[in-house]
N, C-alpha and C. Protein backbone atom coordinates (compact mmCIF):
# COMPACT_ATOMS: atom_id res chain seq x y z
N THR A 1 41.88 -29.64 39.68
CA THR A 1 41.24 -31.24 39.67
C THR A 1 39.85 -31.09 39.77
N THR A 2 39.16 -32.47 39.50
CA THR A 2 37.92 -32.55 39.10
C THR A 2 37.35 -33.90 40.04
N GLY A 3 36.56 -33.76 40.79
CA GLY A 3 36.30 -34.94 41.61
C GLY A 3 34.56 -34.84 41.95
N PRO A 4 34.10 -35.76 42.47
CA PRO A 4 32.46 -35.68 42.75
C PRO A 4 32.30 -34.82 43.90
N SER A 5 31.21 -33.97 44.16
CA SER A 5 30.76 -33.06 45.22
C SER A 5 30.40 -34.08 46.16
N SER A 6 30.47 -33.26 47.11
CA SER A 6 30.15 -33.77 48.71
C SER A 6 28.68 -34.10 48.98
N ASP A 7 27.77 -33.32 48.15
CA ASP A 7 26.17 -33.38 48.34
C ASP A 7 25.65 -34.25 47.77
N SER A 8 24.55 -34.41 47.47
CA SER A 8 23.76 -35.28 46.43
C SER A 8 23.71 -34.96 45.03
N ASP A 9 24.42 -33.73 44.84
CA ASP A 9 24.42 -33.44 43.16
C ASP A 9 25.49 -34.28 42.59
N THR A 10 25.42 -35.19 41.60
CA THR A 10 26.24 -35.83 40.62
C THR A 10 27.31 -34.92 39.73
N SER A 11 27.18 -33.79 39.90
CA SER A 11 27.69 -32.97 39.05
C SER A 11 29.39 -32.91 39.15
N PRO A 12 30.52 -32.82 38.50
CA PRO A 12 31.63 -32.70 38.95
C PRO A 12 32.03 -31.55 39.27
N THR A 13 33.01 -31.41 40.37
CA THR A 13 33.38 -29.88 40.82
C THR A 13 34.78 -29.90 40.27
N VAL A 14 35.02 -28.43 39.75
CA VAL A 14 36.19 -28.03 39.41
C VAL A 14 36.65 -27.13 39.99
N GLU A 15 37.99 -27.31 40.67
CA GLU A 15 38.86 -26.45 41.62
C GLU A 15 40.20 -26.04 40.62
N SER A 16 40.20 -24.76 40.38
CA SER A 16 41.28 -24.19 39.60
C SER A 16 42.56 -23.37 40.45
N VAL A 17 43.70 -23.58 40.39
CA VAL A 17 44.47 -22.62 41.28
C VAL A 17 45.34 -22.07 40.19
N GLU A 18 45.41 -20.72 40.09
CA GLU A 18 46.28 -19.85 39.29
C GLU A 18 47.03 -19.35 40.07
N ASP A 19 48.39 -19.13 39.14
CA ASP A 19 49.31 -18.45 40.01
C ASP A 19 49.45 -16.75 39.68
N ASN A 20 49.90 -16.08 40.51
CA ASN A 20 49.73 -14.66 40.44
C ASN A 20 51.12 -14.09 40.58
N PRO A 21 51.53 -13.69 39.41
CA PRO A 21 53.52 -13.47 39.19
C PRO A 21 53.68 -12.12 39.81
N ASP A 22 52.50 -11.20 40.60
CA ASP A 22 52.69 -10.19 41.14
C ASP A 22 53.30 -10.55 42.76
N GLY A 23 52.21 -11.25 43.16
CA GLY A 23 52.42 -11.53 44.82
C GLY A 23 52.47 -12.81 45.08
N GLY A 24 52.65 -13.74 44.22
CA GLY A 24 52.85 -15.18 44.56
C GLY A 24 51.61 -15.79 45.13
N CYS A 25 50.54 -14.91 45.12
CA CYS A 25 49.27 -15.55 45.89
C CYS A 25 48.80 -16.74 44.77
N HIS A 26 47.62 -17.45 45.21
CA HIS A 26 46.97 -18.16 44.55
C HIS A 26 45.34 -17.85 44.77
N ILE A 27 44.82 -18.15 43.44
CA ILE A 27 43.28 -17.78 43.62
C ILE A 27 42.59 -19.26 43.19
N TYR A 28 41.37 -19.42 44.24
CA TYR A 28 40.85 -20.51 44.09
C TYR A 28 39.45 -20.46 43.70
N ARG A 29 39.02 -21.22 42.89
CA ARG A 29 37.73 -21.26 42.22
C ARG A 29 36.98 -22.36 42.50
N ASN A 30 35.73 -22.58 42.61
CA ASN A 30 35.21 -23.65 43.06
C ASN A 30 33.97 -23.56 42.37
N GLY A 31 33.00 -24.63 41.83
CA GLY A 31 32.09 -24.75 41.25
C GLY A 31 31.63 -25.56 40.30
N TYR A 32 30.53 -25.80 39.80
CA TYR A 32 29.88 -27.08 38.94
C TYR A 32 29.70 -26.52 37.71
N TYR A 33 30.01 -27.73 36.78
CA TYR A 33 29.76 -27.14 35.50
C TYR A 33 28.96 -28.45 34.69
N GLU A 34 28.46 -28.02 33.45
CA GLU A 34 27.63 -28.87 32.96
C GLU A 34 27.62 -28.76 31.54
N SER A 35 27.68 -29.62 30.81
CA SER A 35 27.62 -29.69 29.33
C SER A 35 26.93 -30.60 28.48
N SER A 36 26.59 -30.50 27.34
CA SER A 36 26.11 -31.13 26.46
C SER A 36 26.74 -31.42 25.16
N ILE A 37 26.23 -32.26 24.63
CA ILE A 37 26.91 -32.50 23.04
C ILE A 37 26.09 -32.82 22.01
N ASP A 38 25.82 -32.32 21.21
CA ASP A 38 25.07 -32.57 20.04
C ASP A 38 25.70 -33.37 18.86
N VAL A 39 25.32 -34.68 18.53
CA VAL A 39 26.27 -35.28 17.59
C VAL A 39 25.38 -35.10 16.07
N VAL A 40 26.07 -34.53 15.32
CA VAL A 40 25.40 -34.72 13.65
C VAL A 40 25.91 -35.58 12.83
N GLU A 41 25.07 -35.84 11.72
CA GLU A 41 25.61 -37.19 10.93
C GLU A 41 26.49 -36.30 9.70
N GLY A 42 26.12 -35.35 9.42
CA GLY A 42 26.97 -34.70 8.50
C GLY A 42 26.70 -35.19 7.12
N ILE A 43 27.80 -34.71 6.08
CA ILE A 43 27.77 -35.36 4.71
C ILE A 43 28.82 -36.09 4.98
N LEU A 44 28.70 -37.76 4.59
CA LEU A 44 29.70 -38.61 5.05
C LEU A 44 30.50 -38.94 3.55
N GLU A 45 29.89 -38.55 2.40
CA GLU A 45 30.75 -39.11 1.10
C GLU A 45 30.10 -38.41 -0.06
N VAL A 46 30.80 -38.02 -1.09
CA VAL A 46 30.59 -37.51 -2.55
C VAL A 46 31.33 -38.01 -3.30
N ASN A 47 30.53 -38.51 -4.60
CA ASN A 47 31.01 -39.14 -5.60
C ASN A 47 30.42 -38.61 -6.95
N ILE A 48 31.30 -38.16 -7.63
CA ILE A 48 30.98 -37.70 -9.22
C ILE A 48 30.87 -39.03 -10.09
N ILE A 49 29.51 -39.39 -10.02
CA ILE A 49 29.11 -40.35 -11.01
C ILE A 49 29.03 -40.05 -12.51
N GLN A 50 29.10 -39.11 -13.21
CA GLN A 50 28.83 -38.81 -14.62
C GLN A 50 29.62 -37.24 -14.81
N MET A 51 30.46 -37.21 -15.91
CA MET A 51 30.72 -36.09 -16.31
C MET A 51 30.81 -36.03 -17.86
N THR A 52 29.78 -35.10 -18.44
CA THR A 52 29.08 -34.99 -19.66
C THR A 52 29.60 -33.29 -20.40
N SER A 53 30.15 -33.52 -21.65
CA SER A 53 30.06 -32.53 -22.24
C SER A 53 29.06 -31.83 -22.92
N ILE A 54 28.52 -30.60 -22.78
CA ILE A 54 27.50 -30.23 -23.28
C ILE A 54 27.83 -29.35 -24.79
N GLN A 55 27.29 -29.73 -25.73
CA GLN A 55 27.01 -28.82 -26.99
C GLN A 55 26.49 -27.74 -26.88
N MET A 56 27.12 -26.35 -27.25
CA MET A 56 26.70 -25.48 -27.25
C MET A 56 26.33 -24.59 -28.95
N THR A 57 25.60 -23.67 -28.86
CA THR A 57 25.70 -23.08 -30.04
C THR A 57 27.03 -22.26 -30.60
N GLU A 58 26.92 -22.21 -31.99
CA GLU A 58 27.93 -21.58 -32.27
C GLU A 58 28.71 -20.24 -31.29
N SER A 59 27.38 -19.30 -31.05
CA SER A 59 27.74 -18.11 -30.78
C SER A 59 28.05 -18.66 -29.31
N GLN A 60 28.03 -19.44 -28.58
CA GLN A 60 28.65 -19.88 -27.44
C GLN A 60 29.70 -20.49 -27.15
N ALA A 61 30.31 -20.88 -28.15
CA ALA A 61 31.36 -21.74 -28.35
C ALA A 61 32.98 -21.45 -27.91
N GLU A 62 32.56 -20.53 -27.31
CA GLU A 62 34.06 -19.78 -26.67
C GLU A 62 34.66 -20.83 -25.67
N ASN A 63 33.53 -20.92 -24.94
CA ASN A 63 33.73 -21.80 -23.48
C ASN A 63 33.29 -23.57 -23.97
N SER A 64 34.16 -24.36 -23.28
CA SER A 64 33.61 -25.58 -23.03
C SER A 64 32.70 -25.63 -21.81
N VAL A 65 31.58 -26.38 -21.83
CA VAL A 65 30.93 -26.81 -20.78
C VAL A 65 30.86 -28.15 -20.25
N VAL A 66 30.68 -28.52 -18.91
CA VAL A 66 30.90 -29.83 -18.62
C VAL A 66 30.13 -29.73 -17.61
N ASP A 67 28.75 -30.58 -17.43
CA ASP A 67 27.78 -31.35 -16.45
C ASP A 67 28.47 -32.18 -15.48
N PHE A 68 28.63 -31.82 -14.50
CA PHE A 68 28.97 -32.90 -13.25
C PHE A 68 27.84 -33.46 -12.66
N VAL A 69 27.60 -35.06 -12.71
CA VAL A 69 26.63 -35.41 -11.93
C VAL A 69 27.06 -35.87 -10.56
N VAL A 70 26.52 -35.61 -9.43
CA VAL A 70 27.33 -35.85 -8.02
C VAL A 70 26.05 -36.19 -7.11
N THR A 71 26.68 -37.18 -6.37
CA THR A 71 25.69 -38.05 -5.58
C THR A 71 26.57 -37.81 -3.85
N CYS A 72 25.62 -37.82 -2.98
CA CYS A 72 26.46 -37.84 -1.84
C CYS A 72 25.46 -38.67 -0.77
N GLN A 73 25.83 -39.07 0.20
CA GLN A 73 25.19 -39.77 1.54
C GLN A 73 25.49 -38.85 3.11
N GLY A 74 24.69 -39.23 3.66
CA GLY A 74 24.67 -38.23 5.04
C GLY A 74 23.50 -37.39 4.68
N SER A 75 23.86 -36.37 5.61
CA SER A 75 22.84 -35.04 5.65
C SER A 75 22.98 -34.49 4.09
N LEU A 76 22.07 -33.53 3.84
CA LEU A 76 21.77 -32.93 2.78
C LEU A 76 22.81 -31.63 2.69
N PRO A 77 23.31 -31.25 1.34
CA PRO A 77 24.14 -29.95 1.29
C PRO A 77 23.13 -28.90 1.20
N THR A 78 23.63 -28.00 1.49
CA THR A 78 23.35 -26.53 1.41
C THR A 78 24.29 -25.57 0.55
N ASP A 79 25.30 -26.27 0.04
CA ASP A 79 26.23 -25.02 -0.73
C ASP A 79 27.05 -26.34 -1.45
N VAL A 80 27.43 -25.78 -2.56
CA VAL A 80 28.50 -26.53 -3.34
C VAL A 80 29.62 -25.63 -4.05
N CYS A 81 30.92 -26.24 -3.75
CA CYS A 81 32.16 -25.31 -4.32
C CYS A 81 32.63 -25.96 -5.23
N THR A 82 33.16 -25.45 -6.60
CA THR A 82 33.92 -26.23 -7.44
C THR A 82 35.30 -26.03 -7.50
N VAL A 83 36.62 -26.36 -7.48
CA VAL A 83 37.76 -25.52 -7.45
C VAL A 83 38.64 -26.38 -8.67
N VAL A 84 38.64 -25.61 -9.96
CA VAL A 84 39.41 -25.68 -11.00
C VAL A 84 40.84 -25.72 -10.85
N SER A 85 41.36 -26.84 -10.87
CA SER A 85 42.94 -26.49 -10.69
C SER A 85 43.87 -26.85 -11.82
N ASP A 86 45.10 -26.75 -11.97
CA ASP A 86 46.12 -27.48 -13.18
C ASP A 86 45.71 -28.88 -12.85
N PRO A 87 46.82 -30.01 -13.80
CA PRO A 87 46.20 -31.38 -13.45
C PRO A 87 47.12 -32.09 -12.31
N THR A 88 48.18 -31.22 -11.75
CA THR A 88 48.61 -31.69 -10.42
C THR A 88 47.98 -31.20 -9.16
N CYS A 89 46.72 -30.38 -9.30
CA CYS A 89 45.78 -30.32 -8.33
C CYS A 89 46.65 -29.25 -7.34
N GLN A 90 47.64 -28.60 -7.62
CA GLN A 90 48.48 -27.85 -6.95
C GLN A 90 47.88 -26.48 -7.23
N VAL A 91 47.72 -25.89 -8.26
CA VAL A 91 47.51 -24.14 -8.75
C VAL A 91 46.27 -24.17 -9.41
N SER A 92 45.52 -23.87 -8.15
CA SER A 92 44.15 -23.42 -8.43
C SER A 92 43.90 -22.11 -9.37
N LYS A 93 42.64 -22.77 -10.43
CA LYS A 93 42.64 -21.53 -11.64
C LYS A 93 41.43 -20.59 -11.36
N SER A 94 40.34 -21.51 -10.78
CA SER A 94 39.17 -21.00 -10.32
C SER A 94 38.42 -21.42 -9.38
N VAL A 95 37.74 -20.72 -8.33
CA VAL A 95 36.79 -21.50 -7.70
C VAL A 95 35.22 -20.64 -7.54
N VAL A 96 34.35 -21.51 -7.48
CA VAL A 96 32.88 -21.02 -7.60
C VAL A 96 32.19 -21.97 -6.62
N CYS A 97 31.39 -20.97 -5.96
CA CYS A 97 30.53 -21.61 -4.74
C CYS A 97 29.31 -21.06 -4.93
N ASP A 98 27.97 -22.04 -4.85
CA ASP A 98 26.87 -21.64 -5.36
C ASP A 98 25.66 -22.71 -4.27
N PRO A 99 24.90 -21.75 -3.42
CA PRO A 99 24.06 -22.34 -2.78
C PRO A 99 23.18 -23.41 -3.58
N VAL A 100 22.66 -24.76 -2.98
CA VAL A 100 22.12 -25.43 -3.37
C VAL A 100 20.87 -25.87 -2.87
N VAL A 101 19.46 -26.41 -3.13
CA VAL A 101 18.51 -26.70 -2.59
C VAL A 101 18.28 -28.31 -2.69
N VAL A 102 18.40 -29.25 -2.06
CA VAL A 102 18.18 -30.64 -2.05
C VAL A 102 17.08 -30.93 -1.12
N THR A 103 16.03 -31.65 -1.41
CA THR A 103 14.72 -31.60 -0.84
C THR A 103 15.05 -33.51 -0.35
N ASP A 104 15.37 -34.51 -1.00
CA ASP A 104 15.13 -35.46 -0.17
C ASP A 104 16.04 -36.34 -0.71
N GLU A 105 16.78 -36.29 -2.12
CA GLU A 105 18.01 -37.30 -2.42
C GLU A 105 19.05 -36.49 -2.72
N CYS A 106 20.14 -36.68 -2.42
CA CYS A 106 21.33 -35.98 -2.59
C CYS A 106 21.94 -36.65 -4.16
N LEU A 107 21.20 -35.82 -5.29
CA LEU A 107 21.62 -35.68 -6.50
C LEU A 107 21.52 -34.63 -7.37
N LEU A 108 22.91 -34.03 -7.36
CA LEU A 108 23.06 -32.59 -8.29
C LEU A 108 23.66 -32.70 -9.67
N THR A 109 23.35 -32.01 -10.32
CA THR A 109 24.09 -31.60 -11.63
C THR A 109 24.52 -30.12 -11.46
N ILE A 110 25.87 -30.50 -11.60
CA ILE A 110 26.72 -29.10 -11.59
C ILE A 110 27.38 -28.64 -13.03
N ARG A 111 27.23 -27.52 -13.21
CA ARG A 111 27.50 -27.09 -14.76
C ARG A 111 28.55 -26.38 -14.74
N ARG A 112 29.95 -26.69 -15.22
CA ARG A 112 30.87 -25.13 -15.07
C ARG A 112 31.45 -25.22 -16.60
N ALA A 113 31.86 -24.16 -16.95
CA ALA A 113 32.62 -23.95 -17.99
C ALA A 113 34.02 -23.63 -17.95
N PHE A 114 34.58 -23.92 -19.07
CA PHE A 114 36.08 -24.15 -19.18
C PHE A 114 36.82 -23.39 -20.34
N GLU A 115 37.49 -22.29 -19.97
CA GLU A 115 37.78 -20.98 -21.32
C GLU A 115 38.73 -21.72 -22.25
N GLU A 116 39.47 -22.88 -21.82
CA GLU A 116 40.39 -23.36 -23.12
C GLU A 116 40.61 -24.64 -22.70
N PRO A 117 40.85 -25.46 -23.83
CA PRO A 117 41.06 -26.68 -23.84
C PRO A 117 42.06 -27.40 -22.89
N GLY A 118 42.21 -28.41 -22.45
CA GLY A 118 43.55 -29.01 -21.40
C GLY A 118 43.01 -29.84 -20.34
N THR A 119 43.83 -30.29 -19.51
CA THR A 119 43.98 -31.14 -18.66
C THR A 119 43.53 -30.29 -17.38
N TYR A 120 42.38 -30.54 -16.53
CA TYR A 120 42.11 -30.01 -15.17
C TYR A 120 41.92 -31.02 -13.97
N CYS A 121 41.90 -30.60 -13.02
CA CYS A 121 41.64 -31.53 -11.66
C CYS A 121 40.49 -30.58 -11.07
N ILE A 122 39.55 -31.30 -10.96
CA ILE A 122 38.42 -30.66 -10.21
C ILE A 122 37.91 -31.16 -9.05
N ASN A 123 37.78 -30.29 -7.95
CA ASN A 123 37.59 -30.61 -6.62
C ASN A 123 36.24 -29.90 -6.55
N ILE A 124 35.17 -31.14 -6.25
CA ILE A 124 33.61 -30.68 -5.69
C ILE A 124 33.45 -30.78 -4.17
N THR A 125 33.14 -30.06 -3.67
CA THR A 125 33.00 -29.86 -2.10
C THR A 125 31.44 -29.35 -1.90
N LEU A 126 30.81 -30.40 -1.36
CA LEU A 126 29.31 -30.07 -0.89
C LEU A 126 29.50 -29.88 0.58
N GLY A 127 28.55 -29.27 1.31
CA GLY A 127 28.67 -28.62 2.39
C GLY A 127 27.41 -28.03 2.98
N ASP A 128 27.38 -28.26 4.43
CA ASP A 128 26.28 -27.55 5.17
C ASP A 128 26.75 -26.95 6.28
N ASP A 129 25.94 -26.89 7.28
CA ASP A 129 26.35 -26.02 8.63
C ASP A 129 27.51 -26.91 9.27
N SER A 130 27.21 -27.98 9.74
CA SER A 130 28.19 -29.02 10.24
C SER A 130 29.39 -29.67 9.54
N SER A 131 29.23 -29.86 8.27
CA SER A 131 30.09 -30.96 7.63
C SER A 131 30.46 -30.29 6.33
N GLN A 132 31.69 -31.03 5.63
CA GLN A 132 31.72 -30.62 3.96
C GLN A 132 32.47 -32.18 3.65
N ALA A 133 32.49 -32.17 2.33
CA ALA A 133 32.81 -33.45 1.98
C ALA A 133 33.15 -33.31 0.42
N LEU A 134 34.50 -34.13 0.22
CA LEU A 134 34.69 -33.61 -1.31
C LEU A 134 35.10 -34.87 -1.87
N ALA A 135 34.97 -34.22 -3.38
CA ALA A 135 35.47 -35.52 -4.52
C ALA A 135 36.41 -35.09 -5.66
N SER A 136 37.13 -35.76 -5.94
CA SER A 136 38.28 -35.13 -7.12
C SER A 136 37.97 -36.09 -8.39
N ALA A 137 38.42 -35.21 -9.51
CA ALA A 137 38.30 -35.98 -10.79
C ALA A 137 39.43 -35.41 -11.48
N LEU A 138 40.13 -35.80 -12.34
CA LEU A 138 40.90 -35.28 -13.50
C LEU A 138 40.06 -35.44 -14.79
N ILE A 139 39.85 -33.97 -15.38
CA ILE A 139 39.03 -34.19 -16.67
C ILE A 139 39.86 -33.46 -18.10
N SER A 140 39.74 -34.15 -19.05
CA SER A 140 40.40 -33.43 -20.21
C SER A 140 39.32 -32.74 -21.17
N VAL A 141 39.47 -31.64 -21.51
CA VAL A 141 38.65 -30.73 -22.14
C VAL A 141 39.08 -30.26 -23.57
N ASN A 142 38.35 -30.57 -24.44
CA ASN A 142 39.31 -30.72 -25.78
C ASN A 142 38.31 -29.57 -26.62
N GLY A 143 38.05 -28.49 -26.31
CA GLY A 143 37.51 -27.30 -27.21
C GLY A 143 36.12 -27.89 -27.84
N GLY A 144 35.27 -28.34 -26.37
CA GLY A 144 33.63 -28.63 -26.85
C GLY A 144 33.74 -30.04 -26.86
N GLU A 145 34.86 -30.80 -26.67
CA GLU A 145 34.39 -32.26 -26.44
C GLU A 145 35.47 -32.43 -25.34
N SER A 146 35.13 -33.51 -24.38
CA SER A 146 35.86 -33.90 -23.13
C SER A 146 35.59 -35.35 -23.08
């Protein structure tokens, strides 16, 4: 049970009763507790605002490379993870996580390579110590053109 204490302290009193299965005895505990809550803003929203296919030289042409421009609102991220999945977003093909340094405005360019042409589901997650936010998109990669 919880109730106010009888002295001038306004902290709630906690009394707990525990059953002891061996002897049927009760243990009584009385005391005071105090707690604080810190509210943090966190990363509120992530948006993929642009996807651009990058033209590579002939020696690098085995992979298609795409730049994703991402914005966010709220606190600034400290890491970014990209999950590349099948078009249904059910079967993960690759996961890449990197630390990022964002100083004053949340605007990131994330470059990812795709080994073969096809349609992919992209999940980009921005995170910090207390929150994460996700944006998803479908992308069609056609051997250097997207």
